[in-house]
């Protein structure tokens, strides 16, 4: 029995490509987004920033702005 390595390789590549198409969809990102709750309402847990209180939009905006400025290279170099 003679094995045709070209055919075997082609079938292996096709099977590998088709296996990549069968991955389940990412559902974690869908569960994280809740359109019925405003972002500043948030959860009251230990992962919050120190100066933010859930439900206070002004403190949430201030915390987000402060975090954004900390990630800005121009303001960090000064």
C-alpha atoms as a PDB file:
ATOM      1  CA  UNK A   1       0.000   0.000   0.000  1.00  0.00           C
ATOM      2  CA  UNK A   2       1.530   3.231  -1.150  1.00  0.00           C
ATOM      3  CA  UNK A   3       0.877   6.385   0.940  1.00  0.00           C
ATOM      4  CA  UNK A   4       0.493   9.625  -0.945  1.00  0.00           C
ATOM      5  CA  UNK A   5       1.999  12.235   1.375  1.00  0.00           C
ATOM      6  CA  UNK A   6       0.795  15.149  -0.715  1.00  0.00           C
ATOM      7  CA  UNK A   7      -2.840  14.070  -0.357  1.00  0.00           C
ATOM      8  CA  UNK A   8      -2.357  13.309   3.321  1.00  0.00           C
ATOM      9  CA  UNK A   9      -0.801  16.753   3.930  1.00  0.00           C
ATOM     10  CA  UNK A  10      -3.572  18.523   2.043  1.00  0.00           C
ATOM     11  CA  UNK A  11      -6.243  16.701   4.066  1.00  0.00           C
ATOM     12  CA  UNK A  12      -4.424  17.546   7.292  1.00  0.00           C
ATOM     13  CA  UNK A  13      -4.270  21.264   6.401  1.00  0.00           C
ATOM     14  CA  UNK A  14      -7.951  21.305   5.389  1.00  0.00           C
ATOM     15  CA  UNK A  15      -8.971  19.581   8.628  1.00  0.00           C
ATOM     16  CA  UNK A  16      -6.917  22.049  10.678  1.00  0.00           C
ATOM     17  CA  UNK A  17      -8.492  25.049   8.962  1.00  0.00           C
ATOM     18  CA  UNK A  18     -11.996  23.659   9.389  1.00  0.00           C
ATOM     19  CA  UNK A  19     -11.367  22.915  13.061  1.00  0.00           C
ATOM     20  CA  UNK A  20     -10.524  26.580  13.658  1.00  0.00           C
ATOM     21  CA  UNK A  21     -13.959  27.572  12.329  1.00  0.00           C
ATOM     22  CA  UNK A  22     -15.797  25.514  14.921  1.00  0.00           C
ATOM     23  CA  UNK A  23     -14.789  27.553  17.989  1.00  0.00           C
ATOM     24  CA  UNK A  24     -17.692  28.684  20.175  1.00  0.00           C
ATOM     25  CA  UNK A  25     -18.514  32.405  20.168  1.00  0.00           C
ATOM     26  CA  UNK A  26     -17.184  34.610  22.947  1.00  0.00           C
ATOM     27  CA  UNK A  27     -20.065  35.251  25.333  1.00  0.00           C
ATOM     28  CA  UNK A  28     -18.151  36.918  28.177  1.00  0.00           C
ATOM     29  CA  UNK A  29     -18.130  40.282  26.407  1.00  0.00           C
ATOM     30  CA  UNK A  30     -21.880  40.118  25.858  1.00  0.00           C
ATOM     31  CA  UNK A  31     -22.518  39.383  29.521  1.00  0.00           C
ATOM     32  CA  UNK A  32     -20.376  42.339  30.641  1.00  0.00           C
ATOM     33  CA  UNK A  33     -22.408  44.924  28.707  1.00  0.00           C
ATOM     34  CA  UNK A  34     -25.670  45.908  30.333  1.00  0.00           C
ATOM     35  CA  UNK A  35     -27.518  48.626  28.415  1.00  0.00           C
ATOM     36  CA  UNK A  36     -30.120  49.025  31.166  1.00  0.00           C
ATOM     37  CA  UNK A  37     -27.582  50.221  33.781  1.00  0.00           C
ATOM     38  CA  UNK A  38     -25.495  53.385  33.442  1.00  0.00           C
ATOM     39  CA  UNK A  39     -21.726  52.831  33.701  1.00  0.00           C
ATOM     40  CA  UNK A  40     -21.403  55.036  36.782  1.00  0.00           C
ATOM     41  CA  UNK A  41     -23.887  52.909  38.737  1.00  0.00           C
ATOM     42  CA  UNK A  42     -21.324  50.092  38.993  1.00  0.00           C
ATOM     43  CA  UNK A  43     -20.955  47.367  41.576  1.00  0.00           C
ATOM     44  CA  UNK A  44     -20.038  47.967  45.179  1.00  0.00           C
ATOM     45  CA  UNK A  45     -17.063  45.635  45.576  1.00  0.00           C
ATOM     46  CA  UNK A  46     -13.371  45.711  46.399  1.00  0.00           C
ATOM     47  CA  UNK A  47     -12.263  46.439  42.830  1.00  0.00           C
ATOM     48  CA  UNK A  48     -13.414  50.069  42.797  1.00  0.00           C
ATOM     49  CA  UNK A  49     -11.169  53.110  42.892  1.00  0.00           C
ATOM     50  CA  UNK A  50     -10.881  54.919  46.212  1.00  0.00           C
ATOM     51  CA  UNK A  51     -12.594  58.201  45.297  1.00  0.00           C
ATOM     52  CA  UNK A  52     -15.595  56.747  43.508  1.00  0.00           C
ATOM     53  CA  UNK A  53     -18.962  55.947  45.016  1.00  0.00           C
ATOM     54  CA  UNK A  54     -21.490  53.892  43.025  1.00  0.00           C
ATOM     55  CA  UNK A  55     -24.300  56.011  41.645  1.00  0.00           C
ATOM     56  CA  UNK A  56     -22.351  59.292  41.733  1.00  0.00           C
ATOM     57  CA  UNK A  57     -21.778  60.336  38.144  1.00  0.00           C
ATOM     58  CA  UNK A  58     -19.479  63.269  39.003  1.00  0.00           C
ATOM     59  CA  UNK A  59     -17.032  61.117  40.985  1.00  0.00           C
ATOM     60  CA  UNK A  60     -17.121  58.456  38.261  1.00  0.00           C
ATOM     61  CA  UNK A  61     -16.295  61.021  35.569  1.00  0.00           C
ATOM     62  CA  UNK A  62     -13.474  62.407  37.706  1.00  0.00           C
ATOM     63  CA  UNK A  63     -12.008  58.928  38.278  1.00  0.00           C
ATOM     64  CA  UNK A  64     -12.164  58.068  34.578  1.00  0.00           C
ATOM     65  CA  UNK A  65     -10.516  61.368  33.630  1.00  0.00           C
ATOM     66  CA  UNK A  66      -7.763  60.856  36.211  1.00  0.00           C
ATOM     67  CA  UNK A  67      -7.116  57.319  34.951  1.00  0.00           C
ATOM     68  CA  UNK A  68      -7.008  58.547  31.353  1.00  0.00           C
ATOM     69  CA  UNK A  69      -4.468  61.233  32.239  1.00  0.00           C
ATOM     70  CA  UNK A  70      -2.327  58.585  33.940  1.00  0.00           C
ATOM     71  CA  UNK A  71      -2.194  56.683  30.654  1.00  0.00           C
ATOM     72  CA  UNK A  72      -1.356  59.781  28.593  1.00  0.00           C
ATOM     73  CA  UNK A  73       2.351  59.746  27.678  1.00  0.00           C
ATOM     74  CA  UNK A  74       2.473  63.507  27.135  1.00  0.00           C
ATOM     75  CA  UNK A  75       1.311  64.314  30.671  1.00  0.00           C
ATOM     76  CA  UNK A  76       3.548  61.609  32.210  1.00  0.00           C
ATOM     77  CA  UNK A  77       6.722  63.057  30.637  1.00  0.00           C
ATOM     78  CA  UNK A  78       6.212  66.557  32.050  1.00  0.00           C
END
